[in-house]
Amino acid sequence: MTGFALRRLALLVPTLWLTVTLVFFFVRLAPGGPFDGDRAVPPEVLLALEAKYRLGDPLSRQYLDFLADLVLRGELGPSFKYPGRTVNELLGAGLPVSMQLGVLAMAFALAVGVPLGVLGALRQNTWVDTLATSVAMLGISVPRFVLAPLLVLVFGLTLYWLPVARWETWRHAVLPVIAAGLPTAAYVARLTRGGMLELVRADFVRTARAKGLDERTIVVRHLLKGGLLPVVSFLGPGFSGLLVGSIVVETIFNIPGIGRYFVEAAQNRDYNIVMGVTIVYGALLMTLNAVVDVAYAWLDPRVRIEEL
């Protein structure tokens, strides 16, 4: 294992700890509490609830108790709005669904964005390039909270081609995957086009053409490996951003992922669920960024991973 990889692993724990610490205090300092939205209850009942969930303790004590439960037992605590259920149980049920949506949406983004970017670079300043660039700009300009209802309206409520809620069969996945993945596909297309344009007129590409190599071989063996470097750099934060952006998609399509819990927890001040989702997303982002750095160095041998 290289020195760079060791340094990244060493930074992983303190970075995640800092994220957890900031979110812990910020979410508790926000106005309101987990029981403020409930119907009025006698003061003694409210005190009993706060004692049950240790909300009456000083913030420093709550913080230390939360860290102890997390580090020693891997427990995120109970949910305030789902009596009898722990945050671990809720995340265990919702995380696989969110990951399925995220992986399928990223696969869709790569399957659409990379060919669009390649076509735009190889046919620069032609109608093909204009079309590819226009599609990419449209994908970037239309946010998910606008795109998802449009897909529901057209393909679900007008044409009746696809279901618009739940997560059961492949037909239920089509619209959410498109809504989540299309904006990411637009970024992938732009990054691919930009990376390819830097290489299409490079000396080694002209040499390959002079040797008689066909265009397909040149693209696959020479252009793609270097042209996809910006895309590889984008995959880590892009996938994490896609998961976070999918919160809107999960809410609109009523998908039982962790996005729904996060939205409800933020509204209801369900502190433990907010912490659980933050930890999951934070750990994913850091891990994916580390994997991307390794992949970047593999694709470009000139890059010394110790110098990244």
Protein backbone atom coordinates (compact mmCIF):
# COMPACT_ATOMS: atom_id res chain seq x y z
CA MET A 1 0.00 0.00 0.00
CA THR A 2 1.42 3.36 -1.01
CA GLY A 3 2.18 6.20 1.35
CA PHE A 4 -0.62 8.24 -0.22
CA ALA A 5 -3.18 5.51 0.44
CA LEU A 6 -2.02 5.23 4.05
CA ARG A 7 -2.36 8.98 4.52
CA ARG A 8 -5.87 8.89 3.07
CA LEU A 9 -6.87 6.11 5.44
CA ALA A 10 -5.38 8.02 8.35
CA LEU A 11 -7.45 11.09 7.46
CA LEU A 12 -10.67 9.12 7.00
CA VAL A 13 -11.48 8.68 10.69
CA PRO A 14 -10.81 12.26 11.89
CA THR A 15 -12.67 13.71 8.90
CA LEU A 16 -15.71 11.56 9.61
CA TRP A 17 -15.48 12.40 13.31
CA LEU A 18 -15.41 16.13 12.52
CA THR A 19 -18.46 15.75 10.25
CA VAL A 20 -20.37 13.84 12.92
CA THR A 21 -19.45 16.41 15.57
CA LEU A 22 -20.54 19.42 13.54
CA VAL A 23 -23.86 17.85 12.50
CA PHE A 24 -24.54 16.67 16.06
CA PHE A 25 -24.34 20.17 17.53
CA PHE A 26 -25.86 22.06 14.60
CA VAL A 27 -28.99 19.90 14.43
CA ARG A 28 -29.57 20.26 18.17
CA LEU A 29 -29.00 24.00 18.14
CA ALA A 30 -31.68 24.48 15.48
CA PRO A 31 -35.03 25.82 16.77
CA GLY A 32 -37.58 23.24 17.86
CA GLY A 33 -37.34 19.75 19.24
CA PRO A 34 -38.41 16.21 18.37
CA PHE A 35 -41.66 16.46 20.35
CA ASP A 36 -42.69 20.02 19.52
CA GLY A 37 -44.89 18.97 16.61
CA ASP A 38 -46.91 16.51 18.65
CA ARG A 39 -50.17 17.42 20.29
CA ALA A 40 -49.82 19.19 23.60
CA VAL A 41 -48.83 16.86 26.43
CA PRO A 42 -48.58 17.53 30.16
CA PRO A 43 -45.16 18.82 31.30
CA GLU A 44 -44.50 15.67 33.32
CA VAL A 45 -45.02 13.50 30.21
CA LEU A 46 -42.65 15.70 28.23
CA LEU A 47 -40.06 15.40 30.99
CA ALA A 48 -40.48 11.63 30.97
CA LEU A 49 -39.92 11.51 27.20
CA GLU A 50 -36.81 13.66 27.45
CA ALA A 51 -35.50 11.46 30.26
CA LYS A 52 -36.19 8.31 28.24
CA TYR A 53 -34.18 9.59 25.27
CA ARG A 54 -31.61 11.44 27.45
CA LEU A 55 -32.53 14.77 25.86
CA GLY A 56 -32.51 16.55 29.20
CA ASP A 57 -28.79 15.91 29.70
CA PRO A 58 -26.23 18.60 28.84
CA LEU A 59 -25.21 18.64 25.18
CA SER A 60 -21.68 17.54 26.03
CA ARG A 61 -23.02 14.48 27.84
CA GLN A 62 -25.40 13.65 25.00
CA TYR A 63 -22.49 13.95 22.55
CA LEU A 64 -20.22 11.65 24.54
CA ASP A 65 -23.01 9.10 25.01
CA PHE A 66 -23.75 9.14 21.26
CA LEU A 67 -20.08 8.62 20.38
CA ALA A 68 -19.76 5.80 22.90
CA ASP A 69 -22.81 3.99 21.51
CA LEU A 70 -21.57 4.50 17.95
CA VAL A 71 -17.94 3.48 18.45
CA LEU A 72 -18.33 0.69 21.01
CA ARG A 73 -21.59 -0.91 19.86
CA GLY A 74 -22.26 0.52 16.41
CA GLU A 75 -25.63 1.78 17.64
CA LEU A 76 -27.20 5.00 16.36
CA GLY A 77 -29.93 5.08 18.97
CA PRO A 78 -33.73 4.95 18.79
CA SER A 79 -35.93 6.93 16.46
CA PHE A 80 -38.10 9.56 18.11
CA LYS A 81 -40.83 9.39 15.47
CA TYR A 82 -40.91 5.62 14.92
CA PRO A 83 -41.53 4.21 18.40
CA GLY A 84 -40.03 0.80 18.99
CA ARG A 85 -37.63 1.03 16.03
CA THR A 86 -33.95 1.91 16.06
CA VAL A 87 -32.12 3.99 13.48
CA ASN A 88 -30.04 0.91 12.61
CA GLU A 89 -33.22 -0.96 11.66
CA LEU A 90 -34.56 1.92 9.55
CA LEU A 91 -31.28 2.40 7.71
CA GLY A 92 -30.87 -1.34 7.26
CA ALA A 93 -34.22 -1.46 5.49
CA GLY A 94 -33.83 1.72 3.43
CA LEU A 95 -30.14 1.79 2.51
CA PRO A 96 -30.24 -1.19 0.08
CA VAL A 97 -33.06 0.49 -1.85
CA SER A 98 -31.22 3.82 -2.00
CA MET A 99 -28.04 2.05 -3.12
CA GLN A 100 -29.93 0.19 -5.86
CA LEU A 101 -31.37 3.45 -7.11
CA GLY A 102 -27.97 5.16 -6.94
CA VAL A 103 -26.09 2.39 -8.76
CA LEU A 104 -28.72 2.08 -11.49
CA ALA A 105 -28.85 5.87 -11.93
CA MET A 106 -25.05 6.10 -12.18
CA ALA A 107 -24.99 3.23 -14.71
CA PHE A 108 -27.64 5.08 -16.72
CA ALA A 109 -25.63 8.31 -16.48
CA LEU A 110 -22.47 6.64 -17.77
CA ALA A 111 -24.32 4.74 -20.50
CA VAL A 112 -25.84 8.00 -21.79
CA GLY A 113 -23.20 10.57 -20.92
CA VAL A 114 -20.03 8.86 -22.15
CA PRO A 115 -21.30 8.12 -25.71
CA LEU A 116 -22.71 11.66 -25.97
CA GLY A 117 -19.39 13.14 -24.91
CA VAL A 118 -17.41 10.93 -27.28
CA LEU A 119 -19.67 11.80 -30.23
CA GLY A 120 -19.46 15.49 -29.43
CA ALA A 121 -15.65 15.40 -29.29
CA LEU A 122 -15.19 13.32 -32.44
CA ARG A 123 -17.69 15.44 -34.41
CA GLN A 124 -16.69 18.81 -33.00
CA ASN A 125 -18.54 21.83 -34.41
CA THR A 126 -21.01 19.66 -36.35
CA TRP A 127 -24.72 19.14 -35.77
CA VAL A 128 -23.87 15.99 -33.79
CA ASP A 129 -21.73 18.05 -31.39
CA THR A 130 -24.45 20.69 -31.16
CA LEU A 131 -27.09 18.07 -30.38
CA ALA A 132 -24.94 16.35 -27.76
CA THR A 133 -24.06 19.66 -26.11
CA SER A 134 -27.70 20.78 -26.14
CA VAL A 135 -28.84 17.56 -24.50
CA ALA A 136 -26.14 17.96 -21.85
CA MET A 137 -27.11 21.56 -21.15
CA LEU A 138 -30.77 20.60 -20.90
CA GLY A 139 -29.94 17.88 -18.40
CA ILE A 140 -27.93 20.29 -16.28
CA SER A 141 -30.54 23.05 -16.44
CA VAL A 142 -33.56 20.96 -15.39
CA PRO A 143 -33.34 20.03 -11.68
CA ARG A 144 -34.60 16.71 -10.39
CA PHE A 145 -37.55 18.23 -8.54
CA VAL A 146 -38.81 19.52 -11.91
CA LEU A 147 -37.78 16.54 -14.06
CA ALA A 148 -39.37 13.89 -11.83
CA PRO A 149 -42.92 15.39 -11.84
CA LEU A 150 -42.66 15.90 -15.61
CA LEU A 151 -41.82 12.23 -16.11
CA VAL A 152 -44.71 11.25 -13.84
CA LEU A 153 -47.11 13.51 -15.74
CA VAL A 154 -46.09 12.34 -19.22
CA PHE A 155 -45.29 8.65 -18.85
CA GLY A 156 -47.42 7.81 -15.84
CA LEU A 157 -50.55 9.93 -15.80
CA THR A 158 -50.90 10.73 -19.52
CA LEU A 159 -49.54 7.75 -21.46
CA TYR A 160 -50.01 5.19 -18.64
CA TRP A 161 -46.82 3.39 -19.69
CA LEU A 162 -45.07 3.13 -16.35
CA PRO A 163 -45.99 3.12 -12.64
CA VAL A 164 -45.23 6.28 -10.71
CA ALA A 165 -44.72 4.97 -7.17
CA ARG A 166 -43.08 2.24 -5.10
CA TRP A 167 -40.00 0.11 -5.86
CA GLU A 168 -41.08 -3.40 -6.79
CA THR A 169 -40.36 -4.44 -10.41
CA TRP A 170 -38.08 -3.12 -13.17
CA ARG A 171 -40.98 -1.04 -14.48
CA HIS A 172 -41.13 0.82 -11.16
CA ALA A 173 -37.42 1.64 -11.50
CA VAL A 174 -37.47 3.21 -14.97
CA LEU A 175 -38.77 6.69 -14.17
CA PRO A 176 -36.85 7.15 -10.87
CA VAL A 177 -33.59 6.02 -12.50
CA ILE A 178 -34.05 8.46 -15.38
CA ALA A 179 -35.02 11.31 -13.05
CA ALA A 180 -32.03 10.68 -10.79
CA GLY A 181 -29.49 9.86 -13.50
CA LEU A 182 -30.20 12.34 -16.28
CA PRO A 183 -28.63 15.41 -14.60
CA THR A 184 -25.57 13.32 -13.76
CA ALA A 185 -25.44 12.06 -17.37
CA ALA A 186 -25.28 15.68 -18.53
CA TYR A 187 -22.21 16.35 -16.38
CA VAL A 188 -20.59 13.11 -17.56
CA ALA A 189 -21.18 14.10 -21.19
CA ARG A 190 -19.56 17.50 -20.72
CA LEU A 191 -16.57 16.06 -18.86
CA THR A 192 -16.10 13.30 -21.44
CA ARG A 193 -16.24 15.78 -24.32
CA GLY A 194 -13.76 18.10 -22.63
CA GLY A 195 -11.35 15.27 -21.84
CA MET A 196 -11.55 13.85 -25.35
CA LEU A 197 -11.02 17.24 -27.02
CA GLU A 198 -7.67 17.55 -25.26
CA LEU A 199 -6.50 14.35 -26.94
CA VAL A 200 -8.11 14.11 -30.39
CA ARG A 201 -5.35 16.23 -31.94
CA ALA A 202 -2.50 14.92 -29.80
CA ASP A 203 0.68 13.66 -31.48
CA PHE A 204 0.19 10.05 -30.41
CA VAL A 205 -3.31 10.03 -31.95
CA ARG A 206 -1.97 11.37 -35.25
CA THR A 207 0.75 8.72 -35.12
CA ALA A 208 -1.83 5.97 -34.55
CA ARG A 209 -3.83 7.19 -37.56
CA ALA A 210 -0.67 7.34 -39.68
CA LYS A 211 0.02 3.71 -38.82
CA GLY A 212 -3.35 2.77 -40.29
CA LEU A 213 -5.27 1.97 -37.11
CA ASP A 214 -9.02 2.16 -37.57
CA GLU A 215 -10.98 4.89 -35.77
CA ARG A 216 -12.68 2.49 -33.37
CA THR A 217 -9.34 1.12 -32.13
CA ILE A 218 -7.96 4.62 -31.71
CA VAL A 219 -10.97 5.71 -29.67
CA VAL A 220 -11.11 2.62 -27.46
CA ARG A 221 -7.41 2.06 -26.87
CA HIS A 222 -5.99 5.57 -26.93
CA LEU A 223 -8.60 8.28 -26.49
CA LEU A 224 -10.98 6.82 -23.94
CA LYS A 225 -8.36 5.89 -21.36
CA GLY A 226 -7.08 9.45 -21.13
CA GLY A 227 -10.29 11.20 -22.06
CA LEU A 228 -12.20 9.59 -19.21
CA LEU A 229 -9.86 10.90 -16.52
CA PRO A 230 -12.14 13.87 -15.72
CA VAL A 231 -15.08 11.47 -15.50
CA VAL A 232 -13.19 9.20 -13.11
CA SER A 233 -12.38 12.19 -10.91
CA PHE A 234 -16.08 13.08 -10.90
CA LEU A 235 -17.37 9.60 -10.00
CA GLY A 236 -16.69 9.80 -6.26
CA PRO A 237 -18.41 13.11 -5.44
CA GLY A 238 -20.80 12.55 -8.36
CA PHE A 239 -22.14 9.29 -6.94
CA SER A 240 -22.45 10.77 -3.47
CA GLY A 241 -24.21 13.81 -4.91
CA LEU A 242 -26.48 11.51 -6.86
CA LEU A 243 -27.45 9.68 -3.67
CA VAL A 244 -28.15 12.97 -1.91
CA GLY A 245 -30.06 14.29 -4.92
CA SER A 246 -32.06 11.09 -5.02
CA ILE A 247 -33.73 12.16 -1.77
CA VAL A 248 -36.06 14.28 -3.89
CA VAL A 249 -36.64 11.41 -6.31
CA GLU A 250 -37.39 8.96 -3.50
CA THR A 251 -39.89 11.38 -2.01
CA ILE A 252 -41.71 12.05 -5.31
CA PHE A 253 -41.89 8.38 -6.32
CA ASN A 254 -42.58 7.17 -2.77
CA ILE A 255 -39.52 4.90 -2.79
CA PRO A 256 -38.77 3.33 0.62
CA GLY A 257 -35.13 4.45 0.78
CA ILE A 258 -33.29 6.41 3.42
CA GLY A 259 -34.05 9.68 1.62
CA ARG A 260 -37.61 9.64 2.87
CA TYR A 261 -36.46 9.12 6.44
CA PHE A 262 -33.94 11.94 6.12
CA VAL A 263 -36.54 14.44 4.90
CA GLU A 264 -38.98 13.48 7.65
CA ALA A 265 -36.22 13.52 10.27
CA ALA A 266 -35.11 17.02 9.27
CA GLN A 267 -38.69 18.27 9.54
CA ASN A 268 -39.41 16.50 12.82
CA ARG A 269 -36.00 17.03 14.46
CA ASP A 270 -35.43 13.28 14.70
CA TYR A 271 -31.81 13.79 15.62
CA ASN A 272 -30.64 10.20 15.50
CA ILE A 273 -31.93 9.56 11.98
CA VAL A 274 -30.28 12.76 10.75
CA MET A 275 -27.02 11.58 12.31
CA GLY A 276 -27.36 8.10 10.85
CA VAL A 277 -27.96 9.31 7.29
CA THR A 278 -25.12 11.85 7.62
CA ILE A 279 -22.70 9.16 8.75
CA VAL A 280 -23.71 6.86 5.90
CA TYR A 281 -23.39 9.54 3.24
CA GLY A 282 -20.15 10.88 4.72
CA ALA A 283 -18.53 7.44 4.85
CA LEU A 284 -19.64 6.72 1.27
CA LEU A 285 -18.24 10.01 -0.02
CA MET A 286 -14.86 9.51 1.61
CA THR A 287 -14.55 5.89 0.53
CA LEU A 288 -15.54 6.64 -3.06
CA ASN A 289 -13.09 9.53 -3.26
CA ALA A 290 -10.28 7.21 -2.14
CA VAL A 291 -11.26 4.62 -4.76
CA VAL A 292 -11.38 7.32 -7.43
CA ASP A 293 -7.84 8.45 -6.60
CA VAL A 294 -6.56 4.92 -7.08
CA ALA A 295 -8.46 4.52 -10.35
CA TYR A 296 -7.15 7.87 -11.58
CA ALA A 297 -3.55 6.79 -11.04
CA TRP A 298 -4.21 3.46 -12.78
CA LEU A 299 -5.66 5.14 -15.85
CA ASP A 300 -2.79 7.62 -16.12
CA PRO A 301 0.55 5.96 -15.25
CA ARG A 302 2.26 9.35 -15.47
CA VAL A 303 0.48 10.40 -12.30
CA ARG A 304 2.28 9.35 -9.15
CA ILE A 305 -0.36 8.60 -6.58
CA GLU A 306 1.97 9.83 -3.84
CA GLU A 307 1.91 13.27 -5.47
CA LEU A 308 -1.88 13.56 -5.85
